[in-house]
Amino acid sequence: MFISIDPETKTASIQEPEVLTAFHIESPELNEDVVASIIGNGAEAAEDAHVLVNFEWITRNVEGKVSSNWKKDFSEMVQYATSKGWVNESETHLKAHFKID
C-alpha cells in the first residue's frame, strides 16, 4: 500500500491497498511539511523523509476498495509496525517513508 501525492491538484490517494507488506509515499514533492499538508487529516511531518499518517484517514480512504479481511490484516500490519517503532506514541499514526527511485 502506498500514498500517491499529486502536488498540482494537492490530492493524496491510497494505491494498492491490499498490499500490506509495505507502506510508503510516492510523490514528486519531497518536503515532509508540504506532503503532510496535502494528506491533511492530522498527518504530521516527521524526521528523515517520513510523514505520520492517521489510521482513520487510511481506513476511510480504502473503504469499498478492499476485501472483508482487510481490517484484520491492517491491524496485524500496525502491530508489526508498532514493534518496529513505526507508530506514534498515542498509536494513532503510521509512519510512511518517501520512496525515491
PDB file of N, CA and C in Angstrom:
ATOM      1  N   MET A   1       0.855  -1.166   0.000  1.00  0.00           N
ATOM      2  CA  MET A   1       0.000   0.000   0.000  1.00  0.00           C
ATOM      3  C   MET A   1       0.897   1.222   0.000  1.00  0.00           C
ATOM      4  N   PHE A   2       0.496   2.204  -0.791  1.00  0.00           N
ATOM      5  CA  PHE A   2       1.245   3.450  -0.758  1.00  0.00           C
ATOM      6  C   PHE A   2       0.317   4.620  -0.992  1.00  0.00           C
ATOM      7  N   ILE A   3       0.800   5.792  -0.600  1.00  0.00           N
ATOM      8  CA  ILE A   3       0.054   7.029  -0.809  1.00  0.00           C
ATOM      9  C   ILE A   3       0.673   7.743  -1.994  1.00  0.00           C
ATOM     10  N   SER A   4      -0.162   8.058  -2.952  1.00  0.00           N
ATOM     11  CA  SER A   4       0.264   8.799  -4.135  1.00  0.00           C
ATOM     12  C   SER A   4      -0.110  10.264  -3.927  1.00  0.00           C
ATOM     13  N   ILE A   5       0.869  11.131  -4.099  1.00  0.00           N
ATOM     14  CA  ILE A   5       0.670  12.569  -3.909  1.00  0.00           C
ATOM     15  C   ILE A   5       0.726  13.265  -5.265  1.00  0.00           C
ATOM     16  N   ASP A   6      -0.280  14.095  -5.528  1.00  0.00           N
ATOM     17  CA  ASP A   6      -0.268  14.938  -6.719  1.00  0.00           C
ATOM     18  C   ASP A   6      -0.181  16.384  -6.236  1.00  0.00           C
ATOM     19  N   PRO A   7       1.022  16.974  -6.281  1.00  0.00           N
ATOM     20  CA  PRO A   7       1.183  18.337  -5.761  1.00  0.00           C
ATOM     21  C   PRO A   7       0.429  19.388  -6.556  1.00  0.00           C
ATOM     22  N   GLU A   8       0.200  19.145  -7.846  1.00  0.00           N
ATOM     23  CA  GLU A   8      -0.520  20.132  -8.663  1.00  0.00           C
ATOM     24  C   GLU A   8      -1.964  20.287  -8.206  1.00  0.00           C
ATOM     25  N   THR A   9      -2.640  19.160  -7.953  1.00  0.00           N
ATOM     26  CA  THR A   9      -4.041  19.216  -7.523  1.00  0.00           C
ATOM     27  C   THR A   9      -4.170  19.183  -6.007  1.00  0.00           C
ATOM     28  N   LYS A  10      -3.016  19.027  -5.328  1.00  0.00           N
ATOM     29  CA  LYS A  10      -2.981  18.954  -3.861  1.00  0.00           C
ATOM     30  C   LYS A  10      -3.894  17.836  -3.342  1.00  0.00           C
ATOM     31  N   THR A  11      -3.734  16.637  -3.950  1.00  0.00           N
ATOM     32  CA  THR A  11      -4.528  15.481  -3.539  1.00  0.00           C
ATOM     33  C   THR A  11      -3.621  14.317  -3.166  1.00  0.00           C
ATOM     34  N   ALA A  12      -4.154  13.488  -2.282  1.00  0.00           N
ATOM     35  CA  ALA A  12      -3.470  12.270  -1.849  1.00  0.00           C
ATOM     36  C   ALA A  12      -4.451  11.117  -1.988  1.00  0.00           C
ATOM     37  N   SER A  13      -3.967   9.986  -2.500  1.00  0.00           N
ATOM     38  CA  SER A  13      -4.826   8.810  -2.633  1.00  0.00           C
ATOM     39  C   SER A  13      -4.026   7.559  -2.290  1.00  0.00           C
ATOM     40  N   ILE A  14      -4.733   6.565  -1.805  1.00  0.00           N
ATOM     41  CA  ILE A  14      -4.083   5.300  -1.464  1.00  0.00           C
ATOM     42  C   ILE A  14      -4.146   4.383  -2.677  1.00  0.00           C
ATOM     43  N   GLN A  15      -3.008   3.806  -2.995  1.00  0.00           N
ATOM     44  CA  GLN A  15      -2.878   2.862  -4.101  1.00  0.00           C
ATOM     45  C   GLN A  15      -2.496   1.491  -3.534  1.00  0.00           C
ATOM     46  N   GLU A  16      -2.915   0.447  -4.223  1.00  0.00           N
ATOM     47  CA  GLU A  16      -2.603  -0.932  -3.836  1.00  0.00           C
ATOM     48  C   GLU A  16      -2.921  -1.190  -2.354  1.00  0.00           C
ATOM     49  N   PRO A  17      -4.159  -0.912  -1.931  1.00  0.00           N
ATOM     50  CA  PRO A  17      -4.491  -1.040  -0.508  1.00  0.00           C
ATOM     51  C   PRO A  17      -4.416  -2.460   0.039  1.00  0.00           C
ATOM     52  N   GLU A  18      -4.490  -3.464  -0.813  1.00  0.00           N
ATOM     53  CA  GLU A  18      -4.422  -4.856  -0.342  1.00  0.00           C
ATOM     54  C   GLU A  18      -2.988  -5.308  -0.059  1.00  0.00           C
ATOM     55  N   VAL A  19      -1.999  -4.539  -0.496  1.00  0.00           N
ATOM     56  CA  VAL A  19      -0.587  -4.900  -0.258  1.00  0.00           C
ATOM     57  C   VAL A  19      -0.175  -4.310   1.093  1.00  0.00           C
ATOM     58  N   LEU A  20      -0.208  -5.148   2.106  1.00  0.00           N
ATOM     59  CA  LEU A  20       0.053  -4.666   3.464  1.00  0.00           C
ATOM     60  C   LEU A  20       1.434  -5.072   3.982  1.00  0.00           C
ATOM     61  N   THR A  21       2.346  -5.315   3.079  1.00  0.00           N
ATOM     62  CA  THR A  21       3.714  -5.648   3.462  1.00  0.00           C
ATOM     63  C   THR A  21       4.638  -4.446   3.332  1.00  0.00           C
ATOM     64  N   ALA A  22       4.088  -3.313   2.904  1.00  0.00           N
ATOM     65  CA  ALA A  22       4.875  -2.087   2.763  1.00  0.00           C
ATOM     66  C   ALA A  22       3.939  -0.894   2.875  1.00  0.00           C
ATOM     67  N   PHE A  23       4.499   0.231   3.301  1.00  0.00           N
ATOM     68  CA  PHE A  23       3.718   1.463   3.382  1.00  0.00           C
ATOM     69  C   PHE A  23       4.667   2.621   3.127  1.00  0.00           C
ATOM     70  N   HIS A  24       4.423   3.351   2.046  1.00  0.00           N
ATOM     71  CA  HIS A  24       5.304   4.462   1.710  1.00  0.00           C
ATOM     72  C   HIS A  24       4.528   5.539   0.955  1.00  0.00           C
ATOM     73  N   ILE A  25       5.231   6.610   0.633  1.00  0.00           N
ATOM     74  CA  ILE A  25       4.668   7.734  -0.110  1.00  0.00           C
ATOM     75  C   ILE A  25       5.422   7.861  -1.419  1.00  0.00           C
ATOM     76  N   GLU A  26       4.677   7.994  -2.508  1.00  0.00           N
ATOM     77  CA  GLU A  26       5.279   8.293  -3.803  1.00  0.00           C
ATOM     78  C   GLU A  26       4.827   9.688  -4.196  1.00  0.00           C
ATOM     79  N   SER A  27       5.810  10.569  -4.365  1.00  0.00           N
ATOM     80  CA  SER A  27       5.495  11.966  -4.613  1.00  0.00           C
ATOM     81  C   SER A  27       6.666  12.678  -5.281  1.00  0.00           C
ATOM     82  N   PRO A  28       6.371  13.539  -6.263  1.00  0.00           N
ATOM     83  CA  PRO A  28       7.444  14.378  -6.793  1.00  0.00           C
ATOM     84  C   PRO A  28       7.857  15.455  -5.786  1.00  0.00           C
ATOM     85  N   GLU A  29       6.973  15.750  -4.842  1.00  0.00           N
ATOM     86  CA  GLU A  29       7.240  16.715  -3.773  1.00  0.00           C
ATOM     87  C   GLU A  29       7.822  15.944  -2.595  1.00  0.00           C
ATOM     88  N   LEU A  30       9.029  16.288  -2.158  1.00  0.00           N
ATOM     89  CA  LEU A  30       9.688  15.543  -1.090  1.00  0.00           C
ATOM     90  C   LEU A  30       9.754  16.292   0.236  1.00  0.00           C
ATOM     91  N   ASN A  31       9.077  17.415   0.328  1.00  0.00           N
ATOM     92  CA  ASN A  31       9.059  18.180   1.572  1.00  0.00           C
ATOM     93  C   ASN A  31       8.002  17.578   2.497  1.00  0.00           C
ATOM     94  N   GLU A  32       8.429  17.105   3.674  1.00  0.00           N
ATOM     95  CA  GLU A  32       7.526  16.443   4.611  1.00  0.00           C
ATOM     96  C   GLU A  32       6.349  17.326   5.022  1.00  0.00           C
ATOM     97  N   ASP A  33       6.615  18.607   5.267  1.00  0.00           N
ATOM     98  CA  ASP A  33       5.548  19.520   5.687  1.00  0.00           C
ATOM     99  C   ASP A  33       4.500  19.699   4.582  1.00  0.00           C
ATOM    100  N   VAL A  34       4.953  19.837   3.355  1.00  0.00           N
ATOM    101  CA  VAL A  34       4.024  20.017   2.231  1.00  0.00           C
ATOM    102  C   VAL A  34       3.191  18.757   2.032  1.00  0.00           C
ATOM    103  N   VAL A  35       3.837  17.599   2.047  1.00  0.00           N
ATOM    104  CA  VAL A  35       3.116  16.339   1.841  1.00  0.00           C
ATOM    105  C   VAL A  35       2.123  16.093   2.980  1.00  0.00           C
ATOM    106  N   ALA A  36       2.512  16.345   4.220  1.00  0.00           N
ATOM    107  CA  ALA A  36       1.593  16.198   5.356  1.00  0.00           C
ATOM    108  C   ALA A  36       0.393  17.120   5.183  1.00  0.00           C
ATOM    109  N   SER A  37       0.631  18.325   4.692  1.00  0.00           N
ATOM    110  CA  SER A  37      -0.450  19.275   4.449  1.00  0.00           C
ATOM    111  C   SER A  37      -1.401  18.766   3.369  1.00  0.00           C
ATOM    112  N   ILE A  38      -0.864  18.169   2.318  1.00  0.00           N
ATOM    113  CA  ILE A  38      -1.709  17.634   1.243  1.00  0.00           C
ATOM    114  C   ILE A  38      -2.541  16.461   1.757  1.00  0.00           C
ATOM    115  N   ILE A  39      -1.931  15.578   2.547  1.00  0.00           N
ATOM    116  CA  ILE A  39      -2.683  14.451   3.107  1.00  0.00           C
ATOM    117  C   ILE A  39      -3.732  14.972   4.079  1.00  0.00           C
ATOM    118  N   GLY A  40      -3.355  15.933   4.910  1.00  0.00           N
ATOM    119  CA  GLY A  40      -4.292  16.522   5.860  1.00  0.00           C
ATOM    120  C   GLY A  40      -4.740  15.523   6.910  1.00  0.00           C
ATOM    121  N   ASN A  41      -5.894  15.782   7.512  1.00  0.00           N
ATOM    122  CA  ASN A  41      -6.494  14.866   8.481  1.00  0.00           C
ATOM    123  C   ASN A  41      -5.543  14.431   9.586  1.00  0.00           C
ATOM    124  N   GLY A  42      -4.773  15.357  10.081  1.00  0.00           N
ATOM    125  CA  GLY A  42      -3.880  15.064  11.193  1.00  0.00           C
ATOM    126  C   GLY A  42      -2.534  14.492  10.803  1.00  0.00           C
ATOM    127  N   ALA A  43      -2.240  14.422   9.508  1.00  0.00           N
ATOM    128  CA  ALA A  43      -0.908  13.950   9.095  1.00  0.00           C
ATOM    129  C   ALA A  43       0.134  14.928   9.621  1.00  0.00           C
ATOM    130  N   GLU A  44       1.285  14.379  10.004  1.00  0.00           N
ATOM    131  CA  GLU A  44       2.340  15.206  10.589  1.00  0.00           C
ATOM    132  C   GLU A  44       3.674  14.905   9.922  1.00  0.00           C
ATOM    133  N   ALA A  45       4.431  15.945   9.680  1.00  0.00           N
ATOM    134  CA  ALA A  45       5.791  15.756   9.187  1.00  0.00           C
ATOM    135  C   ALA A  45       6.613  15.106  10.283  1.00  0.00           C
ATOM    136  N   ALA A  46       7.459  14.174   9.881  1.00  0.00           N
ATOM    137  CA  ALA A  46       8.372  13.514  10.811  1.00  0.00           C
ATOM    138  C   ALA A  46       9.793  13.673  10.274  1.00  0.00           C
ATOM    139  N   GLU A  47      10.746  13.254  11.046  1.00  0.00           N
ATOM    140  CA  GLU A  47      12.148  13.423  10.656  1.00  0.00           C
ATOM    141  C   GLU A  47      12.536  12.455   9.543  1.00  0.00           C
ATOM    142  N   ASP A  48      13.626  12.797   8.862  1.00  0.00           N
ATOM    143  CA  ASP A  48      14.265  11.908   7.892  1.00  0.00           C
ATOM    144  C   ASP A  48      13.349  11.408   6.784  1.00  0.00           C
ATOM    145  N   ALA A  49      12.659  12.312   6.114  1.00  0.00           N
ATOM    146  CA  ALA A  49      11.816  11.976   4.953  1.00  0.00           C
ATOM    147  C   ALA A  49      10.702  10.998   5.305  1.00  0.00           C
ATOM    148  N   HIS A  50       9.986  11.285   6.395  1.00  0.00           N
ATOM    149  CA  HIS A  50       8.841  10.487   6.815  1.00  0.00           C
ATOM    150  C   HIS A  50       7.659  11.399   7.133  1.00  0.00           C
ATOM    151  N   VAL A  51       6.467  10.834   7.001  1.00  0.00           N
ATOM    152  CA  VAL A  51       5.243  11.523   7.391  1.00  0.00           C
ATOM    153  C   VAL A  51       4.420  10.554   8.228  1.00  0.00           C
ATOM    154  N   LEU A  52       3.855  11.041   9.321  1.00  0.00           N
ATOM    155  CA  LEU A  52       2.956  10.236  10.146  1.00  0.00           C
ATOM    156  C   LEU A  52       1.535  10.418   9.617  1.00  0.00           C
ATOM    157  N   VAL A  53       0.891   9.291   9.262  1.00  0.00           N
ATOM    158  CA  VAL A  53      -0.425   9.314   8.623  1.00  0.00           C
ATOM    159  C   VAL A  53      -1.449   8.696   9.578  1.00  0.00           C
ATOM    160  N   ASN A  54      -2.544   9.391   9.776  1.00  0.00           N
ATOM    161  CA  ASN A  54      -3.601   8.973  10.686  1.00  0.00           C
ATOM    162  C   ASN A  54      -4.243   7.668  10.218  1.00  0.00           C
ATOM    163  N   PHE A  55      -4.385   6.693  11.143  1.00  0.00           N
ATOM    164  CA  PHE A  55      -5.028   5.417  10.813  1.00  0.00           C
ATOM    165  C   PHE A  55      -6.427   5.628  10.237  1.00  0.00           C
ATOM    166  N   GLU A  56      -7.188   6.545  10.837  1.00  0.00           N
ATOM    167  CA  GLU A  56      -8.560   6.786  10.380  1.00  0.00           C
ATOM    168  C   GLU A  56      -8.588   7.267   8.933  1.00  0.00           C
ATOM    169  N   TRP A  57      -7.638   8.117   8.551  1.00  0.00           N
ATOM    170  CA  TRP A  57      -7.571   8.583   7.165  1.00  0.00           C
ATOM    171  C   TRP A  57      -7.320   7.404   6.234  1.00  0.00           C
ATOM    172  N   ILE A  58      -6.427   6.514   6.642  1.00  0.00           N
ATOM    173  CA  ILE A  58      -6.122   5.340   5.822  1.00  0.00           C
ATOM    174  C   ILE A  58      -7.379   4.494   5.636  1.00  0.00           C
ATOM    175  N   THR A  59      -8.018   4.120   6.734  1.00  0.00           N
ATOM    176  CA  THR A  59      -9.182   3.235   6.632  1.00  0.00           C
ATOM    177  C   THR A  59     -10.331   3.890   5.870  1.00  0.00           C
ATOM    178  N   ARG A  60     -10.508   5.173   6.051  1.00  0.00           N
ATOM    179  CA  ARG A  60     -11.576   5.883   5.330  1.00  0.00           C
ATOM    180  C   ARG A  60     -11.304   5.900   3.821  1.00  0.00           C
ATOM    181  N   ASN A  61     -10.041   5.988   3.436  1.00  0.00           N
ATOM    182  CA  ASN A  61      -9.690   6.088   2.020  1.00  0.00           C
ATOM    183  C   ASN A  61      -9.591   4.750   1.297  1.00  0.00           C
ATOM    184  N   VAL A  62      -9.746   3.656   2.019  1.00  0.00           N
ATOM    185  CA  VAL A  62      -9.767   2.349   1.349  1.00  0.00           C
ATOM    186  C   VAL A  62     -11.160   1.729   1.337  1.00  0.00           C
ATOM    187  N   GLU A  63     -12.119   2.381   1.976  1.00  0.00           N
ATOM    188  CA  GLU A  63     -13.484   1.850   2.027  1.00  0.00           C
ATOM    189  C   GLU A  63     -13.992   1.550   0.628  1.00  0.00           C
ATOM    190  N   GLY A  64     -14.580   0.363   0.477  1.00  0.00           N
ATOM    191  CA  GLY A  64     -15.128  -0.048  -0.800  1.00  0.00           C
ATOM    192  C   GLY A  64     -14.097  -0.544  -1.804  1.00  0.00           C
ATOM    193  N   LYS A  65     -12.820  -0.522  -1.428  1.00  0.00           N
ATOM    194  CA  LYS A  65     -11.747  -0.936  -2.336  1.00  0.00           C
ATOM    195  C   LYS A  65     -11.021  -2.186  -1.842  1.00  0.00           C
ATOM    196  N   VAL A  66     -11.412  -2.698  -0.674  1.00  0.00           N
ATOM    197  CA  VAL A  66     -10.662  -3.790  -0.056  1.00  0.00           C
ATOM    198  C   VAL A  66     -11.586  -4.943   0.334  1.00  0.00           C
ATOM    199  N   SER A  67     -10.972  -6.094   0.606  1.00  0.00           N
ATOM    200  CA  SER A  67     -11.721  -7.286   0.986  1.00  0.00           C
ATOM    201  C   SER A  67     -12.216  -7.179   2.433  1.00  0.00           C
ATOM    202  N   SER A  68     -13.066  -8.106   2.798  1.00  0.00           N
ATOM    203  CA  SER A  68     -13.618  -8.115   4.158  1.00  0.00           C
ATOM    204  C   SER A  68     -12.550  -8.425   5.211  1.00  0.00           C
ATOM    205  N   ASN A  69     -11.442  -9.036   4.823  1.00  0.00           N
ATOM    206  CA  ASN A  69     -10.357  -9.348   5.761  1.00  0.00           C
ATOM    207  C   ASN A  69      -9.392  -8.187   5.961  1.00  0.00           C
ATOM    208  N   TRP A  70      -9.570  -7.113   5.210  1.00  0.00           N
ATOM    209  CA  TRP A  70      -8.589  -6.037   5.210  1.00  0.00           C
ATOM    210  C   TRP A  70      -8.352  -5.445   6.599  1.00  0.00           C
ATOM    211  N   LYS A  71      -9.414  -5.169   7.349  1.00  0.00           N
ATOM    212  CA  LYS A  71      -9.240  -4.533   8.663  1.00  0.00           C
ATOM    213  C   LYS A  71      -8.407  -5.401   9.595  1.00  0.00           C
ATOM    214  N   LYS A  72      -8.625  -6.701   9.566  1.00  0.00           N
ATOM    215  CA  LYS A  72      -7.829  -7.614  10.389  1.00  0.00           C
ATOM    216  C   LYS A  72      -6.379  -7.604   9.912  1.00  0.00           C
ATOM    217  N   ASP A  73      -6.183  -7.676   8.609  1.00  0.00           N
ATOM    218  CA  ASP A  73      -4.827  -7.666   8.057  1.00  0.00           C
ATOM    219  C   ASP A  73      -4.117  -6.340   8.334  1.00  0.00           C
ATOM    220  N   PHE A  74      -4.861  -5.234   8.240  1.00  0.00           N
ATOM    221  CA  PHE A  74      -4.282  -3.925   8.534  1.00  0.00           C
ATOM    222  C   PHE A  74      -3.888  -3.847  10.002  1.00  0.00           C
ATOM    223  N   SER A  75      -4.718  -4.387  10.876  1.00  0.00           N
ATOM    224  CA  SER A  75      -4.406  -4.401  12.310  1.00  0.00           C
ATOM    225  C   SER A  75      -3.115  -5.169  12.572  1.00  0.00           C
ATOM    226  N   GLU A  76      -2.915  -6.276  11.874  1.00  0.00           N
ATOM    227  CA  GLU A  76      -1.676  -7.043  12.015  1.00  0.00           C
ATOM    228  C   GLU A  76      -0.480  -6.244  11.499  1.00  0.00           C
ATOM    229  N   MET A  77      -0.686  -5.501  10.408  1.00  0.00           N
ATOM    230  CA  MET A  77       0.377  -4.643   9.883  1.00  0.00           C
ATOM    231  C   MET A  77       0.753  -3.590  10.920  1.00  0.00           C
ATOM    232  N   VAL A  78      -0.247  -2.995  11.553  1.00  0.00           N
ATOM    233  CA  VAL A  78       0.001  -1.966  12.568  1.00  0.00           C
ATOM    234  C   VAL A  78       0.738  -2.564  13.763  1.00  0.00           C
ATOM    235  N   GLN A  79       0.371  -3.774  14.175  1.00  0.00           N
ATOM    236  CA  GLN A  79       1.076  -4.431  15.280  1.00  0.00           C
ATOM    237  C   GLN A  79       2.554  -4.616  14.937  1.00  0.00           C
ATOM    238  N   TYR A  80       2.818  -5.064  13.726  1.00  0.00           N
ATOM    239  CA  TYR A  80       4.207  -5.238  13.297  1.00  0.00           C
ATOM    240  C   TYR A  80       4.930  -3.889  13.276  1.00  0.00           C
ATOM    241  N   ALA A  81       4.277  -2.877  12.697  1.00  0.00           N
ATOM    242  CA  ALA A  81       4.876  -1.546  12.620  1.00  0.00           C
ATOM    243  C   ALA A  81       5.154  -0.992  14.018  1.00  0.00           C
ATOM    244  N   THR A  82       4.264  -1.256  14.949  1.00  0.00           N
ATOM    245  CA  THR A  82       4.453  -0.810  16.329  1.00  0.00           C
ATOM    246  C   THR A  82       5.714  -1.444  16.918  1.00  0.00           C
ATOM    247  N   SER A  83       5.912  -2.724  16.645  1.00  0.00           N
ATOM    248  CA  SER A  83       7.095  -3.419  17.177  1.00  0.00           C
ATOM    249  C   SER A  83       8.394  -2.860  16.596  1.00  0.00           C
ATOM    250  N   LYS A  84       8.317  -2.202  15.438  1.00  0.00           N
ATOM    251  CA  LYS A  84       9.496  -1.628  14.787  1.00  0.00           C
ATOM    252  C   LYS A  84       9.670  -0.140  15.097  1.00  0.00           C
ATOM    253  N   GLY A  85       8.713   0.445  15.846  1.00  0.00           N
ATOM    254  CA  GLY A  85       8.793   1.869  16.168  1.00  0.00           C
ATOM    255  C   GLY A  85       8.245   2.768  15.067  1.00  0.00           C
ATOM    256  N   TRP A  86       7.405   2.233  14.200  1.00  0.00           N
ATOM    257  CA  TRP A  86       6.862   2.995  13.081  1.00  0.00           C
ATOM    258  C   TRP A  86       5.454   3.522  13.347  1.00  0.00           C
ATOM    259  N   VAL A  87       5.047   3.521  14.615  1.00  0.00           N
ATOM    260  CA  VAL A  87       3.745   4.043  15.025  1.00  0.00           C
ATOM    261  C   VAL A  87       4.012   5.067  16.121  1.00  0.00           C
ATOM    262  N   ASN A  88       3.258   6.162  16.112  1.00  0.00           N
ATOM    263  CA  ASN A  88       3.491   7.196  17.131  1.00  0.00           C
ATOM    264  C   ASN A  88       3.101   6.700  18.524  1.00  0.00           C
ATOM    265  N   GLU A  89       3.493   7.452  19.543  1.00  0.00           N
ATOM    266  CA  GLU A  89       3.268   7.047  20.934  1.00  0.00           C
ATOM    267  C   GLU A  89       1.803   6.856  21.280  1.00  0.00           C
ATOM    268  N   SER A  90       0.920   7.678  20.728  1.00  0.00           N
ATOM    269  CA  SER A  90      -0.507   7.551  21.031  1.00  0.00           C
ATOM    270  C   SER A  90      -1.191   6.499  20.163  1.00  0.00           C
ATOM    271  N   GLU A  91      -0.420   5.837  19.313  1.00  0.00           N
ATOM    272  CA  GLU A  91      -0.906   4.745  18.459  1.00  0.00           C
ATOM    273  C   GLU A  91      -2.084   5.164  17.586  1.00  0.00           C
ATOM    274  N   THR A  92      -1.931   6.342  16.949  1.00  0.00           N
ATOM    275  CA  THR A  92      -2.962   6.849  16.044  1.00  0.00           C
ATOM    276  C   THR A  92      -2.443   7.075  14.635  1.00  0.00           C
ATOM    277  N   HIS A  93      -1.113   7.076  14.466  1.00  0.00           N
ATOM    278  CA  HIS A  93      -0.496   7.395  13.184  1.00  0.00           C
ATOM    279  C   HIS A  93       0.581   6.371  12.823  1.00  0.00           C
ATOM    280  N   LEU A  94       0.636   6.067  11.549  1.00  0.00           N
ATOM    281  CA  LEU A  94       1.622   5.141  10.992  1.00  0.00           C
ATOM    282  C   LEU A  94       2.651   5.940  10.204  1.00  0.00           C
ATOM    283  N   LYS A  95       3.919   5.613  10.402  1.00  0.00           N
ATOM    284  CA  LYS A  95       4.996   6.333   9.736  1.00  0.00           C
ATOM    285  C   LYS A  95       5.166   5.813   8.308  1.00  0.00           C
ATOM    286  N   ALA A  96       5.173   6.729   7.355  1.00  0.00           N
ATOM    287  CA  ALA A  96       5.398   6.394   5.932  1.00  0.00           C
ATOM    288  C   ALA A  96       6.671   7.086   5.472  1.00  0.00           C
ATOM    289  N   HIS A  97       7.490   6.364   4.731  1.00  0.00           N
ATOM    290  CA  HIS A  97       8.709   6.956   4.181  1.00  0.00           C
ATOM    291  C   HIS A  97       8.473   7.323   2.719  1.00  0.00           C
ATOM    292  N   PHE A  98       9.296   8.210   2.219  1.00  0.00           N
ATOM    293  CA  PHE A  98       9.242   8.575   0.801  1.00  0.00           C
ATOM    294  C   PHE A  98       9.987   7.517   0.004  1.00  0.00           C
ATOM    295  N   LYS A  99       9.339   6.980  -1.003  1.00  0.00           N
ATOM    296  CA  LYS A  99      10.024   6.065  -1.922  1.00  0.00           C
ATOM    297  C   LYS A  99      10.664   6.914  -2.999  1.00  0.00           C
ATOM    298  N   ILE A 100      11.958   6.819  -3.092  1.00  0.00           N
ATOM    299  CA  ILE A 100      12.692   7.614  -4.071  1.00  0.00           C
ATOM    300  C   ILE A 100      13.341   6.652  -5.057  1.00  0.00           C
ATOM    301  N   ASP A 101      12.956   6.802  -6.318  1.00  0.00           N
ATOM    302  CA  ASP A 101      13.506   5.914  -7.368  1.00  0.00           C
ATOM    303  C   ASP A 101      14.831   6.389  -7.857  1.00  0.00           C
TER     304      ASP A 101
END
